[in-house]
Each structure stands twice: as C-alpha cells, then as structure tokens.
C-alpha cells in the first residue's frame, strides 16, 4: 500500500509541472524563468534518482526521472527562446 502512495504522489508531482512546460513551449515566453532554478532542479532530481536506485525505490526513481525530463525540457526552452 505504501508503494502505491509513492506512485500516486510521484505522479501528481510530475503532472503538476506539466502545464508550465506546455505553456513555456507554446508561448516561447521564458524571460521570467530562472535558468539557475532549472539547473538546481535537474541536479537535485538526478541525485534523487541515484538515491532511489541505491535503496531500490521505484516510485522515487520514476518521479525524479519525470522531473528531470520536464525540468530539462523547460531549461532547454529557456536556452532556446530566452
């Protein structure tokens, strides 16, 4: 049961970031977005992935993989359109 809670919480975390990523790519408006924030989030999520692998916690691994992909996508948009 606890693992399902992790999957649910992780899904909500990743899904909550999706509207911002979609909006950023549609509007190309990145002036107010901080590249430093994206760099820190990608770094932190990457470290969480390593942690999840070490403790063999799939929800932690999947959640943070999703966050690296979405945060990285926004960071790319910032570099491309900013």
N, C-alpha and C. Protein backbone atom coordinates (compact mmCIF):
# COMPACT_ATOMS: atom_id res chain seq x y z
N UNK A 1 0.81 -1.20 0.00
CA UNK A 1 0.00 0.00 0.00
C UNK A 1 0.86 1.27 0.00
N UNK A 2 1.95 1.26 0.73
CA UNK A 2 2.83 2.43 0.82
C UNK A 2 3.44 2.72 -0.54
N UNK A 3 3.79 1.68 -1.28
CA UNK A 3 4.37 1.88 -2.61
C UNK A 3 3.39 2.57 -3.53
N UNK A 4 2.11 2.19 -3.46
CA UNK A 4 1.08 2.84 -4.29
C UNK A 4 0.95 4.31 -3.94
N UNK A 5 1.08 4.63 -2.67
CA UNK A 5 1.07 6.03 -2.24
C UNK A 5 2.23 6.78 -2.89
N UNK A 6 3.39 6.15 -2.95
CA UNK A 6 4.56 6.75 -3.60
C UNK A 6 4.32 6.99 -5.09
N UNK A 7 3.72 6.00 -5.76
CA UNK A 7 3.40 6.17 -7.19
C UNK A 7 2.41 7.31 -7.40
N UNK A 8 1.39 7.38 -6.54
CA UNK A 8 0.37 8.43 -6.67
C UNK A 8 0.97 9.81 -6.42
N UNK A 9 1.73 9.93 -5.33
CA UNK A 9 2.35 11.22 -5.01
C UNK A 9 3.33 11.64 -6.11
N UNK A 10 4.10 10.70 -6.59
CA UNK A 10 5.05 10.99 -7.67
C UNK A 10 4.36 11.43 -8.94
N UNK A 11 3.27 10.74 -9.27
CA UNK A 11 2.51 11.11 -10.47
C UNK A 11 1.98 12.53 -10.37
N UNK A 12 1.43 12.87 -9.21
CA UNK A 12 0.91 14.24 -9.02
C UNK A 12 2.03 15.27 -9.11
N UNK A 13 3.19 14.94 -8.57
CA UNK A 13 4.32 15.86 -8.62
C UNK A 13 4.71 16.16 -10.07
N UNK A 14 4.84 15.11 -10.85
CA UNK A 14 5.25 15.28 -12.25
C UNK A 14 4.15 15.97 -13.05
N UNK A 15 2.90 15.54 -12.87
CA UNK A 15 1.77 16.13 -13.60
C UNK A 15 1.62 17.61 -13.27
N UNK A 16 1.90 17.99 -12.02
CA UNK A 16 1.74 19.40 -11.63
C UNK A 16 2.69 20.32 -12.39
N UNK A 17 3.80 19.81 -12.84
CA UNK A 17 4.78 20.61 -13.56
C UNK A 17 4.48 20.68 -15.05
N UNK A 18 3.69 19.74 -15.56
CA UNK A 18 3.41 19.64 -16.99
C UNK A 18 2.75 20.88 -17.60
N UNK A 19 1.75 21.50 -16.98
CA UNK A 19 1.15 22.70 -17.59
C UNK A 19 2.15 23.83 -17.84
N UNK A 20 3.09 24.01 -16.93
CA UNK A 20 4.10 25.06 -17.11
C UNK A 20 5.01 24.74 -18.29
N UNK A 21 5.39 23.49 -18.42
CA UNK A 21 6.26 23.09 -19.53
C UNK A 21 5.53 23.29 -20.86
N UNK A 22 4.29 22.87 -20.92
CA UNK A 22 3.49 23.03 -22.15
C UNK A 22 3.34 24.51 -22.49
N UNK A 23 3.01 25.31 -21.50
CA UNK A 23 2.83 26.75 -21.73
C UNK A 23 4.13 27.40 -22.22
N UNK A 24 5.23 27.03 -21.60
CA UNK A 24 6.52 27.60 -21.99
C UNK A 24 6.84 27.29 -23.45
N UNK A 25 6.62 26.06 -23.86
CA UNK A 25 6.92 25.68 -25.24
C UNK A 25 5.94 26.28 -26.23
N UNK A 26 4.68 26.49 -25.82
CA UNK A 26 3.69 27.09 -26.72
C UNK A 26 3.93 28.58 -26.91
N UNK A 27 4.21 29.28 -25.81
CA UNK A 27 4.32 30.74 -25.88
C UNK A 27 5.74 31.23 -26.17
N UNK A 28 6.72 30.39 -25.93
CA UNK A 28 8.13 30.76 -26.06
C UNK A 28 8.51 31.88 -25.10
N UNK A 29 7.69 32.13 -24.10
CA UNK A 29 7.96 33.20 -23.14
C UNK A 29 8.75 32.63 -21.96
N UNK A 30 10.03 32.95 -21.91
CA UNK A 30 10.89 32.40 -20.86
C UNK A 30 11.65 33.47 -20.09
N UNK A 31 11.36 34.73 -20.38
CA UNK A 31 12.11 35.83 -19.78
C UNK A 31 12.11 35.77 -18.25
N UNK A 32 10.98 35.45 -17.65
CA UNK A 32 10.87 35.46 -16.20
C UNK A 32 11.26 34.13 -15.54
N UNK A 33 11.68 33.16 -16.34
CA UNK A 33 12.08 31.87 -15.78
C UNK A 33 13.57 31.90 -15.45
N UNK A 34 13.91 31.34 -14.32
CA UNK A 34 15.29 31.33 -13.87
C UNK A 34 16.00 30.06 -14.34
N UNK A 35 17.05 30.24 -15.14
CA UNK A 35 17.83 29.09 -15.59
C UNK A 35 18.51 28.41 -14.40
N UNK A 36 18.94 29.19 -13.41
CA UNK A 36 19.58 28.63 -12.22
C UNK A 36 18.63 27.67 -11.50
N UNK A 37 17.35 28.02 -11.43
CA UNK A 37 16.38 27.14 -10.80
C UNK A 37 16.29 25.81 -11.54
N UNK A 38 16.26 25.88 -12.88
CA UNK A 38 16.18 24.64 -13.65
C UNK A 38 17.43 23.79 -13.45
N UNK A 39 18.59 24.42 -13.42
CA UNK A 39 19.84 23.69 -13.21
C UNK A 39 19.84 23.00 -11.84
N UNK A 40 19.38 23.71 -10.82
CA UNK A 40 19.32 23.13 -9.48
C UNK A 40 18.31 21.98 -9.41
N UNK A 41 17.16 22.16 -10.03
CA UNK A 41 16.14 21.10 -10.01
C UNK A 41 16.61 19.85 -10.75
N UNK A 42 17.26 20.02 -11.88
CA UNK A 42 17.78 18.86 -12.61
C UNK A 42 18.85 18.16 -11.78
N UNK A 43 19.72 18.93 -11.16
CA UNK A 43 20.76 18.34 -10.31
C UNK A 43 20.15 17.59 -9.13
N UNK A 44 19.22 18.24 -8.44
CA UNK A 44 18.58 17.61 -7.28
C UNK A 44 17.82 16.35 -7.69
N UNK A 45 17.05 16.42 -8.76
CA UNK A 45 16.30 15.24 -9.20
C UNK A 45 17.22 14.12 -9.65
N UNK A 46 18.34 14.47 -10.26
CA UNK A 46 19.31 13.45 -10.66
C UNK A 46 19.89 12.74 -9.44
N UNK A 47 20.17 13.51 -8.40
CA UNK A 47 20.66 12.91 -7.16
C UNK A 47 19.59 12.03 -6.51
N UNK A 48 18.33 12.45 -6.58
CA UNK A 48 17.24 11.62 -6.07
C UNK A 48 17.13 10.31 -6.85
N UNK A 49 17.39 10.36 -8.15
CA UNK A 49 17.38 9.13 -8.96
C UNK A 49 18.46 8.17 -8.45
N UNK A 50 19.66 8.69 -8.23
CA UNK A 50 20.75 7.86 -7.71
C UNK A 50 20.36 7.27 -6.36
N UNK A 51 19.80 8.10 -5.51
CA UNK A 51 19.34 7.64 -4.19
C UNK A 51 18.30 6.54 -4.34
N UNK A 52 17.32 6.76 -5.22
CA UNK A 52 16.28 5.76 -5.44
C UNK A 52 16.85 4.44 -5.94
N UNK A 53 17.83 4.52 -6.80
CA UNK A 53 18.49 3.30 -7.30
C UNK A 53 19.20 2.58 -6.15
N UNK A 54 19.90 3.33 -5.33
CA UNK A 54 20.65 2.73 -4.21
C UNK A 54 19.73 2.04 -3.20
N UNK A 55 18.56 2.62 -2.96
CA UNK A 55 17.64 2.00 -1.99
C UNK A 55 16.57 1.15 -2.69
N UNK A 56 16.67 1.06 -4.01
CA UNK A 56 15.75 0.26 -4.83
C UNK A 56 14.28 0.69 -4.62
N UNK A 57 14.05 2.00 -4.75
CA UNK A 57 12.71 2.56 -4.58
C UNK A 57 12.21 3.08 -5.93
N UNK A 58 11.38 2.28 -6.59
CA UNK A 58 10.92 2.59 -7.94
C UNK A 58 10.13 3.90 -8.00
N UNK A 59 9.20 4.18 -7.06
CA UNK A 59 8.50 5.47 -7.15
C UNK A 59 9.44 6.68 -7.12
N UNK A 60 10.47 6.63 -6.32
CA UNK A 60 11.44 7.74 -6.25
C UNK A 60 12.18 7.86 -7.59
N UNK A 61 12.56 6.73 -8.15
CA UNK A 61 13.27 6.74 -9.43
C UNK A 61 12.39 7.31 -10.53
N UNK A 62 11.16 6.82 -10.64
CA UNK A 62 10.26 7.26 -11.72
C UNK A 62 9.86 8.71 -11.58
N UNK A 63 9.52 9.12 -10.36
CA UNK A 63 9.13 10.52 -10.13
C UNK A 63 10.24 11.46 -10.56
N UNK A 64 11.44 11.18 -10.14
CA UNK A 64 12.54 12.09 -10.43
C UNK A 64 13.03 12.00 -11.86
N UNK A 65 12.85 10.85 -12.49
CA UNK A 65 13.13 10.76 -13.92
C UNK A 65 12.17 11.66 -14.69
N UNK A 66 10.90 11.63 -14.31
CA UNK A 66 9.91 12.53 -14.93
C UNK A 66 10.26 13.98 -14.70
N UNK A 67 10.70 14.30 -13.50
CA UNK A 67 11.06 15.69 -13.20
C UNK A 67 12.30 16.14 -13.96
N UNK A 68 13.28 15.26 -14.13
CA UNK A 68 14.46 15.62 -14.92
C UNK A 68 14.05 15.90 -16.36
N UNK A 69 13.18 15.06 -16.90
CA UNK A 69 12.73 15.27 -18.28
C UNK A 69 11.97 16.58 -18.45
N UNK A 70 11.02 16.85 -17.55
CA UNK A 70 10.22 18.07 -17.66
C UNK A 70 11.04 19.32 -17.34
N UNK A 71 11.82 19.27 -16.28
CA UNK A 71 12.65 20.42 -15.91
C UNK A 71 13.71 20.67 -16.98
N UNK A 72 14.30 19.60 -17.47
CA UNK A 72 15.28 19.74 -18.54
C UNK A 72 14.67 20.34 -19.79
N UNK A 73 13.44 19.94 -20.09
CA UNK A 73 12.73 20.49 -21.25
C UNK A 73 12.51 22.00 -21.09
N UNK A 74 12.15 22.41 -19.89
CA UNK A 74 11.96 23.85 -19.64
C UNK A 74 13.30 24.59 -19.71
N UNK A 75 14.34 23.97 -19.21
CA UNK A 75 15.67 24.58 -19.30
C UNK A 75 16.13 24.74 -20.75
N UNK A 76 15.83 23.74 -21.58
CA UNK A 76 16.15 23.84 -23.00
C UNK A 76 15.36 24.97 -23.63
N UNK A 77 14.08 25.09 -23.26
CA UNK A 77 13.25 26.19 -23.79
C UNK A 77 13.84 27.53 -23.38
N UNK A 78 14.30 27.64 -22.14
CA UNK A 78 14.91 28.89 -21.66
C UNK A 78 16.15 29.22 -22.49
N UNK A 79 16.97 28.24 -22.77
CA UNK A 79 18.17 28.48 -23.60
C UNK A 79 17.79 28.84 -25.04
N UNK A 80 16.79 28.17 -25.54
CA UNK A 80 16.40 28.38 -26.95
C UNK A 80 15.65 29.68 -27.18
N UNK A 81 14.73 30.02 -26.29
CA UNK A 81 13.87 31.18 -26.51
C UNK A 81 14.22 32.38 -25.64
N UNK A 82 15.05 32.17 -24.61
CA UNK A 82 15.29 33.20 -23.62
C UNK A 82 16.26 34.22 -24.04
